[in-house]
C-alpha cells in the first residue's frame, strides 16, 4: 500500500470539478506535496510544456484528471477538439511521466468509452465489445487510449499505470454553463432559474427514457485515492454507485427539490445519447474496498444549495 503522505503528487486538472475534491481528499490523507499544473503554465497538449512540467516537478505519482469535457451538445459541436486534445494530453503526460521515473500513473477514463449497447450493468470485460454511442465516441475513445497506453507501457517498460472508469459525476463545483454542462447541473440551473423568473416550463433534452447512473463527486475522489494507494492491476475498474435512474425521473426529482412546479417538456428533436448507463461496481469493492456512501437525494440537495449560493459559470476546459 502506498503512503500518500510521503509522496509528491501531480494532479492534472486539479483545479477543476473533480480535481478540487481529489486534492482535498489527498490533503486529508496527510499529503502536502501536491502540484496542480495550470494551463497558463503548462499546456498539456504541447509537448514542450509537458516536458517542462516533469523537469520542474520531481513527482512520485501522477493522477491524470485533465480533460476537455462537456455534455451531449458540447460533444456534438466539437468532436475533433474533444478527440485531439484528450488524446494528446493523455499520451504525452503518460510518456513524460514514464521518462521522468514516476512511480505510479493513475489514468481517469470515462464510461463514454463503453459500447453503445453494452449489457447493463456494464462489466469491465465488455469495454471492447462494440463502438461507443456516436455523440460522445470521439471523447470516449480518446480517453480509452489511456488504458491501451498504460497496458503497453507496463508490458514493455514495467510502468505502473492503472485505469479508472468513473460514471457520471455531480456535486458542488460542477460546471453549470448551459453550453457545456452535463445533465444534472443543466437541469438544476434550468429549474432554479425558472423558479426565480417565474417561467412556466423547463425544456429537457430527449425523450426522458434514457437512464443514467450518478456518483457524488466526493465519493469519486475517495475511490481515486483508494485506488492510488491500493490498486496495481492493468485491468480497468468501474467507479460508480450501482444504480440507474431515467432522465424523466431525474428531472422530476430535481424539479421537486428546487421547488419548480411548472411543466417539464421533453424535446424529442434532441438526442438521448446512450440508451442506458449503469455500472457493475464489484471490482472496485473487491480490489480496493470502495463503495459509494452518499445518498443520491442528499447529494442532489447539496448540489442545488451550492449552485444557489455560488452561481458558477465554469468553462468546459479542465487542464
Protein backbone atom coordinates (compact mmCIF):
# COMPACT_ATOMS: atom_id res chain seq x y z
CA UNK A 1 0.00 0.00 0.00
CA UNK A 2 1.29 3.45 -0.93
CA UNK A 3 1.53 6.02 1.85
CA UNK A 4 0.34 9.16 0.10
CA UNK A 5 1.56 11.38 2.93
CA UNK A 6 5.11 10.60 1.83
CA UNK A 7 4.63 11.18 -1.88
CA UNK A 8 4.83 14.15 -4.23
CA UNK A 9 1.72 14.03 -6.41
CA UNK A 10 0.90 15.85 -9.63
CA UNK A 11 -2.86 16.20 -10.11
CA UNK A 12 -3.52 17.37 -13.65
CA UNK A 13 -6.89 19.08 -13.82
CA UNK A 14 -6.60 19.59 -10.08
CA UNK A 15 -8.36 22.96 -10.21
CA UNK A 16 -11.41 21.51 -11.95
CA UNK A 17 -14.62 19.95 -10.70
CA UNK A 18 -13.34 16.50 -9.72
CA UNK A 19 -9.80 17.74 -9.24
CA UNK A 20 -10.65 20.08 -6.36
CA UNK A 21 -12.20 17.19 -4.47
CA UNK A 22 -9.30 14.84 -5.23
CA UNK A 23 -6.82 17.41 -3.91
CA UNK A 24 -8.89 17.84 -0.73
CA UNK A 25 -9.06 14.06 -0.28
CA UNK A 26 -5.30 13.73 -0.67
CA UNK A 27 -4.76 16.52 1.86
CA UNK A 28 -6.98 14.71 4.37
CA UNK A 29 -4.62 11.74 4.00
CA UNK A 30 -1.69 13.91 5.01
CA UNK A 31 -0.36 14.55 1.51
CA UNK A 32 1.15 18.03 1.42
CA UNK A 33 3.35 17.80 -1.68
CA UNK A 34 0.57 18.25 -4.26
CA UNK A 35 1.24 20.07 -7.52
CA UNK A 36 -1.66 21.31 -9.64
CA UNK A 37 -0.36 22.46 -13.03
CA UNK A 38 -2.39 25.28 -14.57
CA UNK A 39 -2.88 25.61 -18.31
CA UNK A 40 -1.34 29.09 -18.28
CA UNK A 41 1.90 27.48 -17.06
CA UNK A 42 1.77 24.08 -18.71
CA UNK A 43 -0.44 23.42 -21.72
CA UNK A 44 -0.60 19.62 -21.67
CA UNK A 45 -1.50 19.47 -25.37
CA UNK A 46 2.01 20.84 -26.15
CA UNK A 47 4.94 18.50 -25.65
CA UNK A 48 7.48 21.20 -24.65
CA UNK A 49 5.15 22.21 -21.80
CA UNK A 50 4.68 18.61 -20.66
CA UNK A 51 8.42 18.00 -20.76
CA UNK A 52 8.99 21.17 -18.73
CA UNK A 53 6.39 20.13 -16.13
CA UNK A 54 8.29 16.95 -15.33
CA UNK A 55 11.59 18.80 -15.36
CA UNK A 56 10.19 21.28 -12.84
CA UNK A 57 8.42 18.76 -10.60
CA UNK A 58 10.03 15.54 -9.38
CA UNK A 59 6.78 13.64 -8.93
CA UNK A 60 6.27 10.20 -7.42
CA UNK A 61 2.65 9.85 -8.59
CA UNK A 62 0.57 11.39 -11.37
CA UNK A 63 -3.23 11.46 -11.16
CA UNK A 64 -4.32 12.47 -14.64
CA UNK A 65 -7.71 14.20 -14.46
CA UNK A 66 -7.12 16.88 -17.09
CA UNK A 67 -9.68 16.67 -19.88
CA UNK A 68 -11.82 18.61 -22.28
CA UNK A 69 -15.31 17.61 -21.22
CA UNK A 70 -18.95 18.50 -21.78
CA UNK A 71 -22.47 17.23 -22.26
CA UNK A 72 -24.06 15.86 -25.43
CA UNK A 73 -24.31 19.32 -27.04
CA UNK A 74 -20.66 20.16 -26.47
CA UNK A 75 -19.57 16.75 -27.76
CA UNK A 76 -21.63 17.20 -30.94
CA UNK A 77 -20.24 20.68 -31.57
CA UNK A 78 -16.55 19.89 -31.01
CA UNK A 79 -15.85 16.19 -31.67
CA UNK A 80 -12.49 16.88 -33.27
CA UNK A 81 -11.29 19.05 -30.42
CA UNK A 82 -12.56 16.61 -27.81
CA UNK A 83 -10.68 13.77 -29.50
CA UNK A 84 -7.42 15.56 -30.28
CA UNK A 85 -6.87 17.43 -27.02
CA UNK A 86 -7.77 14.48 -24.82
CA UNK A 87 -5.56 12.09 -26.79
CA UNK A 88 -2.61 14.49 -26.74
CA UNK A 89 -2.90 15.30 -23.04
CA UNK A 90 -3.10 11.65 -22.08
CA UNK A 91 -0.39 10.31 -24.37
CA UNK A 92 2.20 12.96 -23.63
CA UNK A 93 1.55 13.15 -19.91
CA UNK A 94 1.98 9.40 -19.52
CA UNK A 95 5.04 9.28 -21.78
CA UNK A 96 6.87 12.01 -19.92
CA UNK A 97 5.82 10.59 -16.57
CA UNK A 98 7.49 7.34 -17.65
CA UNK A 99 10.62 9.11 -18.84
CA UNK A 100 10.81 11.01 -15.55
CA UNK A 101 10.66 7.80 -13.50
CA UNK A 102 7.23 8.40 -11.95
CA UNK A 103 6.31 5.59 -9.57
CA UNK A 104 2.61 5.35 -10.46
CA UNK A 105 0.27 6.82 -13.05
CA UNK A 106 -3.46 6.92 -12.33
CA UNK A 107 -5.42 7.41 -15.54
CA UNK A 108 -9.03 8.58 -15.30
CA UNK A 109 -11.15 7.35 -18.17
CA UNK A 110 -14.89 7.59 -18.81
CA UNK A 111 -17.88 5.33 -19.19
CA UNK A 112 -18.42 7.07 -22.54
CA UNK A 113 -15.86 4.51 -23.72
CA UNK A 114 -18.34 1.65 -23.31
CA UNK A 115 -20.16 0.26 -26.36
CA UNK A 116 -23.48 1.94 -27.10
CA UNK A 117 -25.45 -1.23 -26.45
CA UNK A 118 -23.33 -2.82 -23.75
CA UNK A 119 -25.31 -5.13 -21.44
CA UNK A 120 -26.45 -3.40 -18.25
CA UNK A 121 -24.89 -3.22 -15.74
CA UNK A 122 -21.64 -2.54 -17.59
CA UNK A 123 -18.88 -5.01 -16.81
CA UNK A 124 -15.27 -4.05 -17.43
CA UNK A 125 -14.85 -7.09 -19.69
CA UNK A 126 -17.40 -5.60 -22.14
CA UNK A 127 -15.37 -2.44 -22.75
CA UNK A 128 -14.14 -3.59 -26.18
CA UNK A 129 -17.30 -5.31 -27.42
CA UNK A 130 -18.58 -2.55 -29.71
CA UNK A 131 -18.41 1.11 -30.72
CA UNK A 132 -19.39 3.83 -28.23
CA UNK A 133 -22.54 5.93 -28.54
CA UNK A 134 -21.96 8.23 -31.52
CA UNK A 135 -22.47 11.61 -29.86
CA UNK A 136 -19.56 11.12 -27.46
CA UNK A 137 -17.49 8.44 -29.21
CA UNK A 138 -14.53 10.74 -30.05
CA UNK A 139 -14.20 11.73 -26.40
CA UNK A 140 -14.74 8.20 -25.11
CA UNK A 141 -12.22 6.64 -27.48
CA UNK A 142 -9.64 9.33 -26.76
CA UNK A 143 -9.83 8.62 -23.05
CA UNK A 144 -9.80 4.87 -23.72
CA UNK A 145 -6.35 5.27 -25.23
CA UNK A 146 -5.01 5.85 -21.71
CA UNK A 147 -5.92 2.25 -20.93
CA UNK A 148 -4.19 0.96 -24.08
CA UNK A 149 -1.11 3.07 -23.44
CA UNK A 150 -0.91 2.05 -19.80
CA UNK A 151 -1.05 -1.65 -20.63
CA UNK A 152 1.54 -1.28 -23.38
CA UNK A 153 3.88 0.66 -21.10
CA UNK A 154 3.56 -1.90 -18.33
CA UNK A 155 4.34 -4.72 -20.79
CA UNK A 156 7.36 -3.00 -22.35
CA UNK A 157 8.71 -0.77 -19.59
CA UNK A 158 7.26 -2.15 -16.34
CA UNK A 159 5.48 1.18 -15.87
CA UNK A 160 2.86 1.13 -13.11
CA UNK A 161 -0.28 2.59 -14.72
CA UNK A 162 -3.87 1.95 -13.65
CA UNK A 163 -7.13 2.98 -15.29
CA UNK A 164 -10.37 4.01 -13.59
CA UNK A 165 -13.78 4.48 -15.24
CA UNK A 166 -15.96 6.91 -13.28
CA UNK A 167 -19.66 7.11 -14.02
CA UNK A 168 -21.40 10.49 -14.47
CA UNK A 169 -20.44 12.76 -11.57
CA UNK A 170 -22.36 15.52 -9.83
CA UNK A 171 -21.90 17.79 -6.83
CA UNK A 172 -20.52 21.16 -5.68
CA UNK A 173 -18.12 22.92 -8.08
CA UNK A 174 -19.69 21.25 -11.13
CA UNK A 175 -19.89 23.06 -14.47
CA UNK A 176 -23.28 24.81 -14.72
CA UNK A 177 -22.56 26.58 -18.01
CA UNK A 178 -25.56 25.71 -20.26
CA UNK A 179 -23.29 25.47 -23.32
CA UNK A 180 -21.24 22.60 -21.94
CA UNK A 181 -22.76 21.21 -18.74
CA UNK A 182 -23.88 17.64 -18.10
CA UNK A 183 -27.46 16.71 -17.33
CA UNK A 184 -27.68 17.27 -13.55
CA UNK A 185 -26.15 20.77 -13.47
CA UNK A 186 -28.08 21.69 -16.62
CA UNK A 187 -31.40 20.68 -15.05
CA UNK A 188 -30.55 22.27 -11.70
CA UNK A 189 -29.77 25.57 -13.39
CA UNK A 190 -32.89 25.48 -15.56
CA UNK A 191 -35.19 24.68 -12.64
CA UNK A 192 -33.68 27.19 -10.21
CA UNK A 193 -33.72 29.92 -12.85
CA UNK A 194 -37.34 29.07 -13.77
CA UNK A 195 -38.42 29.36 -10.13
CA UNK A 196 -36.73 32.74 -9.76
CA UNK A 197 -38.04 34.16 -13.04
CA UNK A 198 -41.50 32.61 -12.92
CA UNK A 199 -41.14 30.68 -16.16
CA UNK A 200 -43.91 28.06 -16.52
CA UNK A 201 -41.87 25.32 -18.17
CA UNK A 202 -38.43 23.77 -18.36
CA UNK A 203 -37.26 22.07 -21.55
CA UNK A 204 -35.28 18.85 -21.21
CA UNK A 205 -33.29 17.17 -23.96
CA UNK A 206 -34.51 13.90 -25.48
CA UNK A 207 -37.40 11.62 -24.65
CA UNK A 208 -36.60 11.22 -20.96
CA UNK A 209 -36.41 7.45 -21.35
CA UNK A 210 -32.62 7.11 -21.29
CA UNK A 211 -31.15 6.04 -17.96
CA UNK A 212 -28.02 7.16 -16.19
CA UNK A 213 -26.07 6.37 -13.07
CA UNK A 214 -24.66 9.19 -10.98
CA UNK A 215 -21.88 9.31 -8.40
CA UNK A 216 -21.37 12.11 -5.91
CA UNK A 217 -18.05 13.76 -6.68
CA UNK A 218 -16.63 13.37 -3.16
CA UNK A 219 -17.25 9.64 -3.34
CA UNK A 220 -15.37 9.51 -6.65
CA UNK A 221 -12.43 11.39 -5.13
CA UNK A 222 -12.30 8.83 -2.34
CA UNK A 223 -12.31 5.99 -4.89
CA UNK A 224 -9.39 7.58 -6.75
CA UNK A 225 -7.39 7.95 -3.54
CA UNK A 226 -8.07 4.34 -2.54
CA UNK A 227 -7.06 3.04 -5.97
CA UNK A 228 -3.90 5.15 -5.89
CA UNK A 229 -2.99 3.62 -2.55
CA UNK A 230 -4.03 0.01 -3.16
CA UNK A 231 -4.64 -0.96 -6.81
CA UNK A 232 -1.85 -2.26 -9.06
CA UNK A 233 -3.51 -4.15 -11.95
CA UNK A 234 -3.79 -3.18 -15.61
CA UNK A 235 -7.45 -4.20 -15.59
CA UNK A 236 -9.79 -1.15 -15.77
CA UNK A 237 -12.11 -0.51 -12.83
CA UNK A 238 -15.63 0.91 -12.84
CA UNK A 239 -16.22 3.65 -10.28
CA UNK A 240 -19.93 4.14 -9.61
CA UNK A 241 -22.84 3.99 -7.23
CA UNK A 242 -24.50 0.88 -8.62
CA UNK A 243 -27.93 2.25 -9.60
CA UNK A 244 -29.68 3.88 -12.56
CA UNK A 245 -32.43 6.46 -12.95
CA UNK A 246 -34.30 7.63 -16.05
CA UNK A 247 -33.77 11.20 -17.20
CA UNK A 248 -37.50 11.81 -16.78
CA UNK A 249 -37.43 10.66 -13.16
CA UNK A 250 -34.27 12.66 -12.59
CA UNK A 251 -35.89 15.83 -13.97
CA UNK A 252 -38.92 15.33 -11.75
CA UNK A 253 -36.71 14.80 -8.71
CA UNK A 254 -34.68 17.95 -9.40
CA UNK A 255 -37.85 19.95 -10.05
CA UNK A 256 -39.25 18.85 -6.70
CA UNK A 257 -36.06 19.65 -4.79
CA UNK A 258 -35.68 23.09 -6.41
CA UNK A 259 -39.35 23.96 -5.85
CA UNK A 260 -40.17 24.12 -9.55
CA UNK A 261 -43.87 23.33 -10.03
CA UNK A 262 -44.24 24.05 -13.72
CA UNK A 263 -44.20 21.73 -16.74
CA UNK A 264 -41.27 19.58 -17.81
CA UNK A 265 -41.20 19.48 -21.62
CA UNK A 266 -39.07 16.85 -23.36
CA UNK A 267 -37.65 17.98 -26.70
CA UNK A 268 -37.59 14.80 -28.78
CA UNK A 269 -35.62 16.51 -31.53
CA UNK A 270 -32.60 16.39 -29.21
CA UNK A 271 -30.60 13.16 -28.77
CA UNK A 272 -30.96 10.87 -25.77
CA UNK A 273 -27.38 9.70 -26.02
CA UNK A 274 -26.62 6.17 -24.84
CA UNK A 275 -29.88 4.34 -24.03
CA UNK A 276 -28.80 3.04 -20.63
CA UNK A 277 -25.84 3.50 -18.32
CA UNK A 278 -25.26 1.63 -15.12
CA UNK A 279 -22.08 0.02 -13.83
CA UNK A 280 -21.21 -3.21 -12.13
CA UNK A 281 -19.04 -1.96 -9.26
CA UNK A 282 -17.93 -5.32 -7.87
CA UNK A 283 -14.29 -4.96 -8.92
CA UNK A 284 -13.79 -1.64 -7.10
CA UNK A 285 -15.30 -3.08 -3.93
CA UNK A 286 -13.22 -6.25 -4.05
CA UNK A 287 -9.96 -4.75 -5.31
CA UNK A 288 -9.60 -1.71 -3.08
CA UNK A 289 -12.63 -1.51 -0.82
CA UNK A 290 -14.60 1.27 -2.47
CA UNK A 291 -18.36 1.63 -2.12
CA UNK A 292 -20.31 4.85 -2.64
CA UNK A 293 -21.73 6.26 0.60
CA UNK A 294 -23.62 9.44 -0.38
CA UNK A 295 -27.40 9.11 -0.72
CA UNK A 296 -28.47 10.38 -4.14
CA UNK A 297 -31.20 12.64 -2.81
CA UNK A 298 -28.88 14.16 -0.23
CA UNK A 299 -26.20 14.68 -2.86
CA UNK A 300 -28.69 16.47 -5.12
CA UNK A 301 -29.74 18.76 -2.28
CA UNK A 302 -26.11 19.70 -1.57
CA UNK A 303 -25.54 20.37 -5.27
CA UNK A 304 -28.63 22.57 -5.58
CA UNK A 305 -27.76 24.56 -2.47
CA UNK A 306 -24.21 25.07 -3.68
CA UNK A 307 -25.43 26.32 -7.04
CA UNK A 308 -27.86 28.76 -5.41
CA UNK A 309 -25.06 30.18 -3.31
CA UNK A 310 -22.31 30.34 -5.92
CA UNK A 311 -23.91 30.57 -9.38
CA UNK A 312 -20.74 29.37 -11.16
CA UNK A 313 -20.25 29.54 -14.91
CA UNK A 314 -17.38 27.13 -15.25
CA UNK A 315 -15.57 26.68 -18.54
CA UNK A 316 -15.53 23.27 -20.15
CA UNK A 317 -11.76 23.01 -20.26
CA UNK A 318 -10.11 21.48 -17.20
CA UNK A 319 -6.40 21.45 -17.66
